Each structure stands twice: as C-alpha cells, then as structure tokens.
Amino acid sequence: AGIARAARQRRAAAALARVGLAHLA
C-alpha cells in the first residue's frame, strides 16, 4: 500500500494486538 517502513512496523504490531495475536507476532 506504499506505507513507509517505520510506520509499517508500528501499524502491523498494533493491528496484531487488536486481534489478540501480539504474542504470536
């Protein structure tokens, strides 16, 4: 989607946390 690298990691981690999978990242 063209999101910058730094923002990608932050947004991906936040999304995994929202679905309850932060521990399986």
PDBML (XML) file of the C-alpha atoms, coordinates in Angstrom:
<?xml version="1.0" encoding="UTF-8" ?>
<PDBx:datablock datablockName="MODEL"
   xmlns:PDBx="http://pdbml.pdb.org/schema/pdbx-v50.xsd"
   xmlns:xsi="http://www.w3.org/2001/XMLSchema-instance"
   xsi:schemaLocation="http://pdbml.pdb.org/schema/pdbx-v50.xsd pdbx-v50.xsd">
   <PDBx:atom_siteCategory>
      <PDBx:atom_site id="1">
         <PDBx:B_iso_or_equiv>0.00</PDBx:B_iso_or_equiv>
         <PDBx:Cartn_x>0.000</PDBx:Cartn_x>
         <PDBx:Cartn_y>0.000</PDBx:Cartn_y>
         <PDBx:Cartn_z>0.000</PDBx:Cartn_z>
         <PDBx:auth_asym_id>A</PDBx:auth_asym_id>
         <PDBx:auth_atom_id>CA</PDBx:auth_atom_id>
         <PDBx:auth_comp_id>ALA</PDBx:auth_comp_id>
         <PDBx:auth_seq_id>1</PDBx:auth_seq_id>
         <PDBx:group_PDB>ATOM</PDBx:group_PDB>
         <PDBx:label_alt_id xsi:nil="true" />
         <PDBx:label_asym_id>A</PDBx:label_asym_id>
         <PDBx:label_atom_id>CA</PDBx:label_atom_id>
         <PDBx:label_comp_id>ALA</PDBx:label_comp_id>
         <PDBx:label_entity_id>1</PDBx:label_entity_id>
         <PDBx:label_seq_id>1</PDBx:label_seq_id>
         <PDBx:occupancy>1.00</PDBx:occupancy>
         <PDBx:pdbx_PDB_model_num>1</PDBx:pdbx_PDB_model_num>
         <PDBx:type_symbol>C</PDBx:type_symbol>
      </PDBx:atom_site>
      <PDBx:atom_site id="2">
         <PDBx:B_iso_or_equiv>0.00</PDBx:B_iso_or_equiv>
         <PDBx:Cartn_x>3.062</PDBx:Cartn_x>
         <PDBx:Cartn_y>2.270</PDBx:Cartn_y>
         <PDBx:Cartn_z>-0.048</PDBx:Cartn_z>
         <PDBx:auth_asym_id>A</PDBx:auth_asym_id>
         <PDBx:auth_atom_id>CA</PDBx:auth_atom_id>
         <PDBx:auth_comp_id>GLY</PDBx:auth_comp_id>
         <PDBx:auth_seq_id>2</PDBx:auth_seq_id>
         <PDBx:group_PDB>ATOM</PDBx:group_PDB>
         <PDBx:label_alt_id xsi:nil="true" />
         <PDBx:label_asym_id>A</PDBx:label_asym_id>
         <PDBx:label_atom_id>CA</PDBx:label_atom_id>
         <PDBx:label_comp_id>GLY</PDBx:label_comp_id>
         <PDBx:label_entity_id>1</PDBx:label_entity_id>
         <PDBx:label_seq_id>2</PDBx:label_seq_id>
         <PDBx:occupancy>1.00</PDBx:occupancy>
         <PDBx:pdbx_PDB_model_num>1</PDBx:pdbx_PDB_model_num>
         <PDBx:type_symbol>C</PDBx:type_symbol>
      </PDBx:atom_site>
      <PDBx:atom_site id="3">
         <PDBx:B_iso_or_equiv>0.00</PDBx:B_iso_or_equiv>
         <PDBx:Cartn_x>3.341</PDBx:Cartn_x>
         <PDBx:Cartn_y>2.830</PDBx:Cartn_y>
         <PDBx:Cartn_z>3.711</PDBx:Cartn_z>
         <PDBx:auth_asym_id>A</PDBx:auth_asym_id>
         <PDBx:auth_atom_id>CA</PDBx:auth_atom_id>
         <PDBx:auth_comp_id>ILE</PDBx:auth_comp_id>
         <PDBx:auth_seq_id>3</PDBx:auth_seq_id>
         <PDBx:group_PDB>ATOM</PDBx:group_PDB>
         <PDBx:label_alt_id xsi:nil="true" />
         <PDBx:label_asym_id>A</PDBx:label_asym_id>
         <PDBx:label_atom_id>CA</PDBx:label_atom_id>
         <PDBx:label_comp_id>ILE</PDBx:label_comp_id>
         <PDBx:label_entity_id>1</PDBx:label_entity_id>
         <PDBx:label_seq_id>3</PDBx:label_seq_id>
         <PDBx:occupancy>1.00</PDBx:occupancy>
         <PDBx:pdbx_PDB_model_num>1</PDBx:pdbx_PDB_model_num>
         <PDBx:type_symbol>C</PDBx:type_symbol>
      </PDBx:atom_site>
      <PDBx:atom_site id="4">
         <PDBx:B_iso_or_equiv>0.00</PDBx:B_iso_or_equiv>
         <PDBx:Cartn_x>6.816</PDBx:Cartn_x>
         <PDBx:Cartn_y>3.884</PDBx:Cartn_y>
         <PDBx:Cartn_z>4.918</PDBx:Cartn_z>
         <PDBx:auth_asym_id>A</PDBx:auth_asym_id>
         <PDBx:auth_atom_id>CA</PDBx:auth_atom_id>
         <PDBx:auth_comp_id>ALA</PDBx:auth_comp_id>
         <PDBx:auth_seq_id>4</PDBx:auth_seq_id>
         <PDBx:group_PDB>ATOM</PDBx:group_PDB>
         <PDBx:label_alt_id xsi:nil="true" />
         <PDBx:label_asym_id>A</PDBx:label_asym_id>
         <PDBx:label_atom_id>CA</PDBx:label_atom_id>
         <PDBx:label_comp_id>ALA</PDBx:label_comp_id>
         <PDBx:label_entity_id>1</PDBx:label_entity_id>
         <PDBx:label_seq_id>4</PDBx:label_seq_id>
         <PDBx:occupancy>1.00</PDBx:occupancy>
         <PDBx:pdbx_PDB_model_num>1</PDBx:pdbx_PDB_model_num>
         <PDBx:type_symbol>C</PDBx:type_symbol>
      </PDBx:atom_site>
      <PDBx:atom_site id="5">
         <PDBx:B_iso_or_equiv>0.00</PDBx:B_iso_or_equiv>
         <PDBx:Cartn_x>8.905</PDBx:Cartn_x>
         <PDBx:Cartn_y>1.209</PDBx:Cartn_y>
         <PDBx:Cartn_z>6.667</PDBx:Cartn_z>
         <PDBx:auth_asym_id>A</PDBx:auth_asym_id>
         <PDBx:auth_atom_id>CA</PDBx:auth_atom_id>
         <PDBx:auth_comp_id>ARG</PDBx:auth_comp_id>
         <PDBx:auth_seq_id>5</PDBx:auth_seq_id>
         <PDBx:group_PDB>ATOM</PDBx:group_PDB>
         <PDBx:label_alt_id xsi:nil="true" />
         <PDBx:label_asym_id>A</PDBx:label_asym_id>
         <PDBx:label_atom_id>CA</PDBx:label_atom_id>
         <PDBx:label_comp_id>ARG</PDBx:label_comp_id>
         <PDBx:label_entity_id>1</PDBx:label_entity_id>
         <PDBx:label_seq_id>5</PDBx:label_seq_id>
         <PDBx:occupancy>1.00</PDBx:occupancy>
         <PDBx:pdbx_PDB_model_num>1</PDBx:pdbx_PDB_model_num>
         <PDBx:type_symbol>C</PDBx:type_symbol>
      </PDBx:atom_site>
      <PDBx:atom_site id="6">
         <PDBx:B_iso_or_equiv>0.00</PDBx:B_iso_or_equiv>
         <PDBx:Cartn_x>8.824</PDBx:Cartn_x>
         <PDBx:Cartn_y>2.768</PDBx:Cartn_y>
         <PDBx:Cartn_z>10.160</PDBx:Cartn_z>
         <PDBx:auth_asym_id>A</PDBx:auth_asym_id>
         <PDBx:auth_atom_id>CA</PDBx:auth_atom_id>
         <PDBx:auth_comp_id>ALA</PDBx:auth_comp_id>
         <PDBx:auth_seq_id>6</PDBx:auth_seq_id>
         <PDBx:group_PDB>ATOM</PDBx:group_PDB>
         <PDBx:label_alt_id xsi:nil="true" />
         <PDBx:label_asym_id>A</PDBx:label_asym_id>
         <PDBx:label_atom_id>CA</PDBx:label_atom_id>
         <PDBx:label_comp_id>ALA</PDBx:label_comp_id>
         <PDBx:label_entity_id>1</PDBx:label_entity_id>
         <PDBx:label_seq_id>6</PDBx:label_seq_id>
         <PDBx:occupancy>1.00</PDBx:occupancy>
         <PDBx:pdbx_PDB_model_num>1</PDBx:pdbx_PDB_model_num>
         <PDBx:type_symbol>C</PDBx:type_symbol>
      </PDBx:atom_site>
      <PDBx:atom_site id="7">
         <PDBx:B_iso_or_equiv>0.00</PDBx:B_iso_or_equiv>
         <PDBx:Cartn_x>5.065</PDBx:Cartn_x>
         <PDBx:Cartn_y>3.223</PDBx:Cartn_y>
         <PDBx:Cartn_z>10.045</PDBx:Cartn_z>
         <PDBx:auth_asym_id>A</PDBx:auth_asym_id>
         <PDBx:auth_atom_id>CA</PDBx:auth_atom_id>
         <PDBx:auth_comp_id>ALA</PDBx:auth_comp_id>
         <PDBx:auth_seq_id>7</PDBx:auth_seq_id>
         <PDBx:group_PDB>ATOM</PDBx:group_PDB>
         <PDBx:label_alt_id xsi:nil="true" />
         <PDBx:label_asym_id>A</PDBx:label_asym_id>
         <PDBx:label_atom_id>CA</PDBx:label_atom_id>
         <PDBx:label_comp_id>ALA</PDBx:label_comp_id>
         <PDBx:label_entity_id>1</PDBx:label_entity_id>
         <PDBx:label_seq_id>7</PDBx:label_seq_id>
         <PDBx:occupancy>1.00</PDBx:occupancy>
         <PDBx:pdbx_PDB_model_num>1</PDBx:pdbx_PDB_model_num>
         <PDBx:type_symbol>C</PDBx:type_symbol>
      </PDBx:atom_site>
      <PDBx:atom_site id="8">
         <PDBx:B_iso_or_equiv>0.00</PDBx:B_iso_or_equiv>
         <PDBx:Cartn_x>4.606</PDBx:Cartn_x>
         <PDBx:Cartn_y>-0.307</PDBx:Cartn_y>
         <PDBx:Cartn_z>8.671</PDBx:Cartn_z>
         <PDBx:auth_asym_id>A</PDBx:auth_asym_id>
         <PDBx:auth_atom_id>CA</PDBx:auth_atom_id>
         <PDBx:auth_comp_id>ARG</PDBx:auth_comp_id>
         <PDBx:auth_seq_id>8</PDBx:auth_seq_id>
         <PDBx:group_PDB>ATOM</PDBx:group_PDB>
         <PDBx:label_alt_id xsi:nil="true" />
         <PDBx:label_asym_id>A</PDBx:label_asym_id>
         <PDBx:label_atom_id>CA</PDBx:label_atom_id>
         <PDBx:label_comp_id>ARG</PDBx:label_comp_id>
         <PDBx:label_entity_id>1</PDBx:label_entity_id>
         <PDBx:label_seq_id>8</PDBx:label_seq_id>
         <PDBx:occupancy>1.00</PDBx:occupancy>
         <PDBx:pdbx_PDB_model_num>1</PDBx:pdbx_PDB_model_num>
         <PDBx:type_symbol>C</PDBx:type_symbol>
      </PDBx:atom_site>
      <PDBx:atom_site id="9">
         <PDBx:B_iso_or_equiv>0.00</PDBx:B_iso_or_equiv>
         <PDBx:Cartn_x>6.104</PDBx:Cartn_x>
         <PDBx:Cartn_y>-1.987</PDBx:Cartn_y>
         <PDBx:Cartn_z>11.717</PDBx:Cartn_z>
         <PDBx:auth_asym_id>A</PDBx:auth_asym_id>
         <PDBx:auth_atom_id>CA</PDBx:auth_atom_id>
         <PDBx:auth_comp_id>GLN</PDBx:auth_comp_id>
         <PDBx:auth_seq_id>9</PDBx:auth_seq_id>
         <PDBx:group_PDB>ATOM</PDBx:group_PDB>
         <PDBx:label_alt_id xsi:nil="true" />
         <PDBx:label_asym_id>A</PDBx:label_asym_id>
         <PDBx:label_atom_id>CA</PDBx:label_atom_id>
         <PDBx:label_comp_id>GLN</PDBx:label_comp_id>
         <PDBx:label_entity_id>1</PDBx:label_entity_id>
         <PDBx:label_seq_id>9</PDBx:label_seq_id>
         <PDBx:occupancy>1.00</PDBx:occupancy>
         <PDBx:pdbx_PDB_model_num>1</PDBx:pdbx_PDB_model_num>
         <PDBx:type_symbol>C</PDBx:type_symbol>
      </PDBx:atom_site>
      <PDBx:atom_site id="10">
         <PDBx:B_iso_or_equiv>0.00</PDBx:B_iso_or_equiv>
         <PDBx:Cartn_x>4.150</PDBx:Cartn_x>
         <PDBx:Cartn_y>0.158</PDBx:Cartn_y>
         <PDBx:Cartn_z>14.138</PDBx:Cartn_z>
         <PDBx:auth_asym_id>A</PDBx:auth_asym_id>
         <PDBx:auth_atom_id>CA</PDBx:auth_atom_id>
         <PDBx:auth_comp_id>ARG</PDBx:auth_comp_id>
         <PDBx:auth_seq_id>10</PDBx:auth_seq_id>
         <PDBx:group_PDB>ATOM</PDBx:group_PDB>
         <PDBx:label_alt_id xsi:nil="true" />
         <PDBx:label_asym_id>A</PDBx:label_asym_id>
         <PDBx:label_atom_id>CA</PDBx:label_atom_id>
         <PDBx:label_comp_id>ARG</PDBx:label_comp_id>
         <PDBx:label_entity_id>1</PDBx:label_entity_id>
         <PDBx:label_seq_id>10</PDBx:label_seq_id>
         <PDBx:occupancy>1.00</PDBx:occupancy>
         <PDBx:pdbx_PDB_model_num>1</PDBx:pdbx_PDB_model_num>
         <PDBx:type_symbol>C</PDBx:type_symbol>
      </PDBx:atom_site>
      <PDBx:atom_site id="11">
         <PDBx:B_iso_or_equiv>0.00</PDBx:B_iso_or_equiv>
         <PDBx:Cartn_x>0.827</PDBx:Cartn_x>
         <PDBx:Cartn_y>-0.296</PDBx:Cartn_y>
         <PDBx:Cartn_z>12.375</PDBx:Cartn_z>
         <PDBx:auth_asym_id>A</PDBx:auth_asym_id>
         <PDBx:auth_atom_id>CA</PDBx:auth_atom_id>
         <PDBx:auth_comp_id>ARG</PDBx:auth_comp_id>
         <PDBx:auth_seq_id>11</PDBx:auth_seq_id>
         <PDBx:group_PDB>ATOM</PDBx:group_PDB>
         <PDBx:label_alt_id xsi:nil="true" />
         <PDBx:label_asym_id>A</PDBx:label_asym_id>
         <PDBx:label_atom_id>CA</PDBx:label_atom_id>
         <PDBx:label_comp_id>ARG</PDBx:label_comp_id>
         <PDBx:label_entity_id>1</PDBx:label_entity_id>
         <PDBx:label_seq_id>11</PDBx:label_seq_id>
         <PDBx:occupancy>1.00</PDBx:occupancy>
         <PDBx:pdbx_PDB_model_num>1</PDBx:pdbx_PDB_model_num>
         <PDBx:type_symbol>C</PDBx:type_symbol>
      </PDBx:atom_site>
      <PDBx:atom_site id="12">
         <PDBx:B_iso_or_equiv>0.00</PDBx:B_iso_or_equiv>
         <PDBx:Cartn_x>1.357</PDBx:Cartn_x>
         <PDBx:Cartn_y>-4.023</PDBx:Cartn_y>
         <PDBx:Cartn_z>11.852</PDBx:Cartn_z>
         <PDBx:auth_asym_id>A</PDBx:auth_asym_id>
         <PDBx:auth_atom_id>CA</PDBx:auth_atom_id>
         <PDBx:auth_comp_id>ALA</PDBx:auth_comp_id>
         <PDBx:auth_seq_id>12</PDBx:auth_seq_id>
         <PDBx:group_PDB>ATOM</PDBx:group_PDB>
         <PDBx:label_alt_id xsi:nil="true" />
         <PDBx:label_asym_id>A</PDBx:label_asym_id>
         <PDBx:label_atom_id>CA</PDBx:label_atom_id>
         <PDBx:label_comp_id>ALA</PDBx:label_comp_id>
         <PDBx:label_entity_id>1</PDBx:label_entity_id>
         <PDBx:label_seq_id>12</PDBx:label_seq_id>
         <PDBx:occupancy>1.00</PDBx:occupancy>
         <PDBx:pdbx_PDB_model_num>1</PDBx:pdbx_PDB_model_num>
         <PDBx:type_symbol>C</PDBx:type_symbol>
      </PDBx:atom_site>
      <PDBx:atom_site id="13">
         <PDBx:B_iso_or_equiv>0.00</PDBx:B_iso_or_equiv>
         <PDBx:Cartn_x>2.150</PDBx:Cartn_x>
         <PDBx:Cartn_y>-4.578</PDBx:Cartn_y>
         <PDBx:Cartn_z>15.525</PDBx:Cartn_z>
         <PDBx:auth_asym_id>A</PDBx:auth_asym_id>
         <PDBx:auth_atom_id>CA</PDBx:auth_atom_id>
         <PDBx:auth_comp_id>ALA</PDBx:auth_comp_id>
         <PDBx:auth_seq_id>13</PDBx:auth_seq_id>
         <PDBx:group_PDB>ATOM</PDBx:group_PDB>
         <PDBx:label_alt_id xsi:nil="true" />
         <PDBx:label_asym_id>A</PDBx:label_asym_id>
         <PDBx:label_atom_id>CA</PDBx:label_atom_id>
         <PDBx:label_comp_id>ALA</PDBx:label_comp_id>
         <PDBx:label_entity_id>1</PDBx:label_entity_id>
         <PDBx:label_seq_id>13</PDBx:label_seq_id>
         <PDBx:occupancy>1.00</PDBx:occupancy>
         <PDBx:pdbx_PDB_model_num>1</PDBx:pdbx_PDB_model_num>
         <PDBx:type_symbol>C</PDBx:type_symbol>
      </PDBx:atom_site>
      <PDBx:atom_site id="14">
         <PDBx:B_iso_or_equiv>0.00</PDBx:B_iso_or_equiv>
         <PDBx:Cartn_x>-0.880</PDBx:Cartn_x>
         <PDBx:Cartn_y>-2.543</PDBx:Cartn_y>
         <PDBx:Cartn_z>16.591</PDBx:Cartn_z>
         <PDBx:auth_asym_id>A</PDBx:auth_asym_id>
         <PDBx:auth_atom_id>CA</PDBx:auth_atom_id>
         <PDBx:auth_comp_id>ALA</PDBx:auth_comp_id>
         <PDBx:auth_seq_id>14</PDBx:auth_seq_id>
         <PDBx:group_PDB>ATOM</PDBx:group_PDB>
         <PDBx:label_alt_id xsi:nil="true" />
         <PDBx:label_asym_id>A</PDBx:label_asym_id>
         <PDBx:label_atom_id>CA</PDBx:label_atom_id>
         <PDBx:label_comp_id>ALA</PDBx:label_comp_id>
         <PDBx:label_entity_id>1</PDBx:label_entity_id>
         <PDBx:label_seq_id>14</PDBx:label_seq_id>
         <PDBx:occupancy>1.00</PDBx:occupancy>
         <PDBx:pdbx_PDB_model_num>1</PDBx:pdbx_PDB_model_num>
         <PDBx:type_symbol>C</PDBx:type_symbol>
      </PDBx:atom_site>
      <PDBx:atom_site id="15">
         <PDBx:B_iso_or_equiv>0.00</PDBx:B_iso_or_equiv>
         <PDBx:Cartn_x>-3.163</PDBx:Cartn_x>
         <PDBx:Cartn_y>-4.495</PDBx:Cartn_y>
         <PDBx:Cartn_z>14.253</PDBx:Cartn_z>
         <PDBx:auth_asym_id>A</PDBx:auth_asym_id>
         <PDBx:auth_atom_id>CA</PDBx:auth_atom_id>
         <PDBx:auth_comp_id>ALA</PDBx:auth_comp_id>
         <PDBx:auth_seq_id>15</PDBx:auth_seq_id>
         <PDBx:group_PDB>ATOM</PDBx:group_PDB>
         <PDBx:label_alt_id xsi:nil="true" />
         <PDBx:label_asym_id>A</PDBx:label_asym_id>
         <PDBx:label_atom_id>CA</PDBx:label_atom_id>
         <PDBx:label_comp_id>ALA</PDBx:label_comp_id>
         <PDBx:label_entity_id>1</PDBx:label_entity_id>
         <PDBx:label_seq_id>15</PDBx:label_seq_id>
         <PDBx:occupancy>1.00</PDBx:occupancy>
         <PDBx:pdbx_PDB_model_num>1</PDBx:pdbx_PDB_model_num>
         <PDBx:type_symbol>C</PDBx:type_symbol>
      </PDBx:atom_site>
      <PDBx:atom_site id="16">
         <PDBx:B_iso_or_equiv>0.00</PDBx:B_iso_or_equiv>
         <PDBx:Cartn_x>-1.926</PDBx:Cartn_x>
         <PDBx:Cartn_y>-7.834</PDBx:Cartn_y>
         <PDBx:Cartn_z>15.591</PDBx:Cartn_z>
         <PDBx:auth_asym_id>A</PDBx:auth_asym_id>
         <PDBx:auth_atom_id>CA</PDBx:auth_atom_id>
         <PDBx:auth_comp_id>LEU</PDBx:auth_comp_id>
         <PDBx:auth_seq_id>16</PDBx:auth_seq_id>
         <PDBx:group_PDB>ATOM</PDBx:group_PDB>
         <PDBx:label_alt_id xsi:nil="true" />
         <PDBx:label_asym_id>A</PDBx:label_asym_id>
         <PDBx:label_atom_id>CA</PDBx:label_atom_id>
         <PDBx:label_comp_id>LEU</PDBx:label_comp_id>
         <PDBx:label_entity_id>1</PDBx:label_entity_id>
         <PDBx:label_seq_id>16</PDBx:label_seq_id>
         <PDBx:occupancy>1.00</PDBx:occupancy>
         <PDBx:pdbx_PDB_model_num>1</PDBx:pdbx_PDB_model_num>
         <PDBx:type_symbol>C</PDBx:type_symbol>
      </PDBx:atom_site>
      <PDBx:atom_site id="17">
         <PDBx:B_iso_or_equiv>0.00</PDBx:B_iso_or_equiv>
         <PDBx:Cartn_x>-2.543</PDBx:Cartn_x>
         <PDBx:Cartn_y>-6.616</PDBx:Cartn_y>
         <PDBx:Cartn_z>19.128</PDBx:Cartn_z>
         <PDBx:auth_asym_id>A</PDBx:auth_asym_id>
         <PDBx:auth_atom_id>CA</PDBx:auth_atom_id>
         <PDBx:auth_comp_id>ALA</PDBx:auth_comp_id>
         <PDBx:auth_seq_id>17</PDBx:auth_seq_id>
         <PDBx:group_PDB>ATOM</PDBx:group_PDB>
         <PDBx:label_alt_id xsi:nil="true" />
         <PDBx:label_asym_id>A</PDBx:label_asym_id>
         <PDBx:label_atom_id>CA</PDBx:label_atom_id>
         <PDBx:label_comp_id>ALA</PDBx:label_comp_id>
         <PDBx:label_entity_id>1</PDBx:label_entity_id>
         <PDBx:label_seq_id>17</PDBx:label_seq_id>
         <PDBx:occupancy>1.00</PDBx:occupancy>
         <PDBx:pdbx_PDB_model_num>1</PDBx:pdbx_PDB_model_num>
         <PDBx:type_symbol>C</PDBx:type_symbol>
      </PDBx:atom_site>
      <PDBx:atom_site id="18">
         <PDBx:B_iso_or_equiv>0.00</PDBx:B_iso_or_equiv>
         <PDBx:Cartn_x>-6.111</PDBx:Cartn_x>
         <PDBx:Cartn_y>-5.630</PDBx:Cartn_y>
         <PDBx:Cartn_z>18.227</PDBx:Cartn_z>
         <PDBx:auth_asym_id>A</PDBx:auth_asym_id>
         <PDBx:auth_atom_id>CA</PDBx:auth_atom_id>
         <PDBx:auth_comp_id>ARG</PDBx:auth_comp_id>
         <PDBx:auth_seq_id>18</PDBx:auth_seq_id>
         <PDBx:group_PDB>ATOM</PDBx:group_PDB>
         <PDBx:label_alt_id xsi:nil="true" />
         <PDBx:label_asym_id>A</PDBx:label_asym_id>
         <PDBx:label_atom_id>CA</PDBx:label_atom_id>
         <PDBx:label_comp_id>ARG</PDBx:label_comp_id>
         <PDBx:label_entity_id>1</PDBx:label_entity_id>
         <PDBx:label_seq_id>18</PDBx:label_seq_id>
         <PDBx:occupancy>1.00</PDBx:occupancy>
         <PDBx:pdbx_PDB_model_num>1</PDBx:pdbx_PDB_model_num>
         <PDBx:type_symbol>C</PDBx:type_symbol>
      </PDBx:atom_site>
      <PDBx:atom_site id="19">
         <PDBx:B_iso_or_equiv>0.00</PDBx:B_iso_or_equiv>
         <PDBx:Cartn_x>-6.856</PDBx:Cartn_x>
         <PDBx:Cartn_y>-9.174</PDBx:Cartn_y>
         <PDBx:Cartn_z>17.047</PDBx:Cartn_z>
         <PDBx:auth_asym_id>A</PDBx:auth_asym_id>
         <PDBx:auth_atom_id>CA</PDBx:auth_atom_id>
         <PDBx:auth_comp_id>VAL</PDBx:auth_comp_id>
         <PDBx:auth_seq_id>19</PDBx:auth_seq_id>
         <PDBx:group_PDB>ATOM</PDBx:group_PDB>
         <PDBx:label_alt_id xsi:nil="true" />
         <PDBx:label_asym_id>A</PDBx:label_asym_id>
         <PDBx:label_atom_id>CA</PDBx:label_atom_id>
         <PDBx:label_comp_id>VAL</PDBx:label_comp_id>
         <PDBx:label_entity_id>1</PDBx:label_entity_id>
         <PDBx:label_seq_id>19</PDBx:label_seq_id>
         <PDBx:occupancy>1.00</PDBx:occupancy>
         <PDBx:pdbx_PDB_model_num>1</PDBx:pdbx_PDB_model_num>
         <PDBx:type_symbol>C</PDBx:type_symbol>
      </PDBx:atom_site>
      <PDBx:atom_site id="20">
         <PDBx:B_iso_or_equiv>0.00</PDBx:B_iso_or_equiv>
         <PDBx:Cartn_x>-5.229</PDBx:Cartn_x>
         <PDBx:Cartn_y>-10.709</PDBx:Cartn_y>
         <PDBx:Cartn_z>20.136</PDBx:Cartn_z>
         <PDBx:auth_asym_id>A</PDBx:auth_asym_id>
         <PDBx:auth_atom_id>CA</PDBx:auth_atom_id>
         <PDBx:auth_comp_id>GLY</PDBx:auth_comp_id>
         <PDBx:auth_seq_id>20</PDBx:auth_seq_id>
         <PDBx:group_PDB>ATOM</PDBx:group_PDB>
         <PDBx:label_alt_id xsi:nil="true" />
         <PDBx:label_asym_id>A</PDBx:label_asym_id>
         <PDBx:label_atom_id>CA</PDBx:label_atom_id>
         <PDBx:label_comp_id>GLY</PDBx:label_comp_id>
         <PDBx:label_entity_id>1</PDBx:label_entity_id>
         <PDBx:label_seq_id>20</PDBx:label_seq_id>
         <PDBx:occupancy>1.00</PDBx:occupancy>
         <PDBx:pdbx_PDB_model_num>1</PDBx:pdbx_PDB_model_num>
         <PDBx:type_symbol>C</PDBx:type_symbol>
      </PDBx:atom_site>
      <PDBx:atom_site id="21">
         <PDBx:B_iso_or_equiv>0.00</PDBx:B_iso_or_equiv>
         <PDBx:Cartn_x>-2.109</PDBx:Cartn_x>
         <PDBx:Cartn_y>-12.086</PDBx:Cartn_y>
         <PDBx:Cartn_z>18.452</PDBx:Cartn_z>
         <PDBx:auth_asym_id>A</PDBx:auth_asym_id>
         <PDBx:auth_atom_id>CA</PDBx:auth_atom_id>
         <PDBx:auth_comp_id>LEU</PDBx:auth_comp_id>
         <PDBx:auth_seq_id>21</PDBx:auth_seq_id>
         <PDBx:group_PDB>ATOM</PDBx:group_PDB>
         <PDBx:label_alt_id xsi:nil="true" />
         <PDBx:label_asym_id>A</PDBx:label_asym_id>
         <PDBx:label_atom_id>CA</PDBx:label_atom_id>
         <PDBx:label_comp_id>LEU</PDBx:label_comp_id>
         <PDBx:label_entity_id>1</PDBx:label_entity_id>
         <PDBx:label_seq_id>21</PDBx:label_seq_id>
         <PDBx:occupancy>1.00</PDBx:occupancy>
         <PDBx:pdbx_PDB_model_num>1</PDBx:pdbx_PDB_model_num>
         <PDBx:type_symbol>C</PDBx:type_symbol>
      </PDBx:atom_site>
      <PDBx:atom_site id="22">
         <PDBx:B_iso_or_equiv>0.00</PDBx:B_iso_or_equiv>
         <PDBx:Cartn_x>0.671</PDBx:Cartn_x>
         <PDBx:Cartn_y>-9.828</PDBx:Cartn_y>
         <PDBx:Cartn_z>19.728</PDBx:Cartn_z>
         <PDBx:auth_asym_id>A</PDBx:auth_asym_id>
         <PDBx:auth_atom_id>CA</PDBx:auth_atom_id>
         <PDBx:auth_comp_id>ALA</PDBx:auth_comp_id>
         <PDBx:auth_seq_id>22</PDBx:auth_seq_id>
         <PDBx:group_PDB>ATOM</PDBx:group_PDB>
         <PDBx:label_alt_id xsi:nil="true" />
         <PDBx:label_asym_id>A</PDBx:label_asym_id>
         <PDBx:label_atom_id>CA</PDBx:label_atom_id>
         <PDBx:label_comp_id>ALA</PDBx:label_comp_id>
         <PDBx:label_entity_id>1</PDBx:label_entity_id>
         <PDBx:label_seq_id>22</PDBx:label_seq_id>
         <PDBx:occupancy>1.00</PDBx:occupancy>
         <PDBx:pdbx_PDB_model_num>1</PDBx:pdbx_PDB_model_num>
         <PDBx:type_symbol>C</PDBx:type_symbol>
      </PDBx:atom_site>
      <PDBx:atom_site id="23">
         <PDBx:B_iso_or_equiv>0.00</PDBx:B_iso_or_equiv>
         <PDBx:Cartn_x>2.230</PDBx:Cartn_x>
         <PDBx:Cartn_y>-12.824</PDBx:Cartn_y>
         <PDBx:Cartn_z>21.470</PDBx:Cartn_z>
         <PDBx:auth_asym_id>A</PDBx:auth_asym_id>
         <PDBx:auth_atom_id>CA</PDBx:auth_atom_id>
         <PDBx:auth_comp_id>HIS</PDBx:auth_comp_id>
         <PDBx:auth_seq_id>23</PDBx:auth_seq_id>
         <PDBx:group_PDB>ATOM</PDBx:group_PDB>
         <PDBx:label_alt_id xsi:nil="true" />
         <PDBx:label_asym_id>A</PDBx:label_asym_id>
         <PDBx:label_atom_id>CA</PDBx:label_atom_id>
         <PDBx:label_comp_id>HIS</PDBx:label_comp_id>
         <PDBx:label_entity_id>1</PDBx:label_entity_id>
         <PDBx:label_seq_id>23</PDBx:label_seq_id>
         <PDBx:occupancy>1.00</PDBx:occupancy>
         <PDBx:pdbx_PDB_model_num>1</PDBx:pdbx_PDB_model_num>
         <PDBx:type_symbol>C</PDBx:type_symbol>
      </PDBx:atom_site>
      <PDBx:atom_site id="24">
         <PDBx:B_iso_or_equiv>0.00</PDBx:B_iso_or_equiv>
         <PDBx:Cartn_x>2.499</PDBx:Cartn_x>
         <PDBx:Cartn_y>-14.656</PDBx:Cartn_y>
         <PDBx:Cartn_z>18.137</PDBx:Cartn_z>
         <PDBx:auth_asym_id>A</PDBx:auth_asym_id>
         <PDBx:auth_atom_id>CA</PDBx:auth_atom_id>
         <PDBx:auth_comp_id>LEU</PDBx:auth_comp_id>
         <PDBx:auth_seq_id>24</PDBx:auth_seq_id>
         <PDBx:group_PDB>ATOM</PDBx:group_PDB>
         <PDBx:label_alt_id xsi:nil="true" />
         <PDBx:label_asym_id>A</PDBx:label_asym_id>
         <PDBx:label_atom_id>CA</PDBx:label_atom_id>
         <PDBx:label_comp_id>LEU</PDBx:label_comp_id>
         <PDBx:label_entity_id>1</PDBx:label_entity_id>
         <PDBx:label_seq_id>24</PDBx:label_seq_id>
         <PDBx:occupancy>1.00</PDBx:occupancy>
         <PDBx:pdbx_PDB_model_num>1</PDBx:pdbx_PDB_model_num>
         <PDBx:type_symbol>C</PDBx:type_symbol>
      </PDBx:atom_site>
      <PDBx:atom_site id="25">
         <PDBx:B_iso_or_equiv>0.00</PDBx:B_iso_or_equiv>
         <PDBx:Cartn_x>3.980</PDBx:Cartn_x>
         <PDBx:Cartn_y>-11.793</PDBx:Cartn_y>
         <PDBx:Cartn_z>16.121</PDBx:Cartn_z>
         <PDBx:auth_asym_id>A</PDBx:auth_asym_id>
         <PDBx:auth_atom_id>CA</PDBx:auth_atom_id>
         <PDBx:auth_comp_id>ALA</PDBx:auth_comp_id>
         <PDBx:auth_seq_id>25</PDBx:auth_seq_id>
         <PDBx:group_PDB>ATOM</PDBx:group_PDB>
         <PDBx:label_alt_id xsi:nil="true" />
         <PDBx:label_asym_id>A</PDBx:label_asym_id>
         <PDBx:label_atom_id>CA</PDBx:label_atom_id>
         <PDBx:label_comp_id>ALA</PDBx:label_comp_id>
         <PDBx:label_entity_id>1</PDBx:label_entity_id>
         <PDBx:label_seq_id>25</PDBx:label_seq_id>
         <PDBx:occupancy>1.00</PDBx:occupancy>
         <PDBx:pdbx_PDB_model_num>1</PDBx:pdbx_PDB_model_num>
         <PDBx:type_symbol>C</PDBx:type_symbol>
      </PDBx:atom_site>
   </PDBx:atom_siteCategory>
</PDBx:datablock>
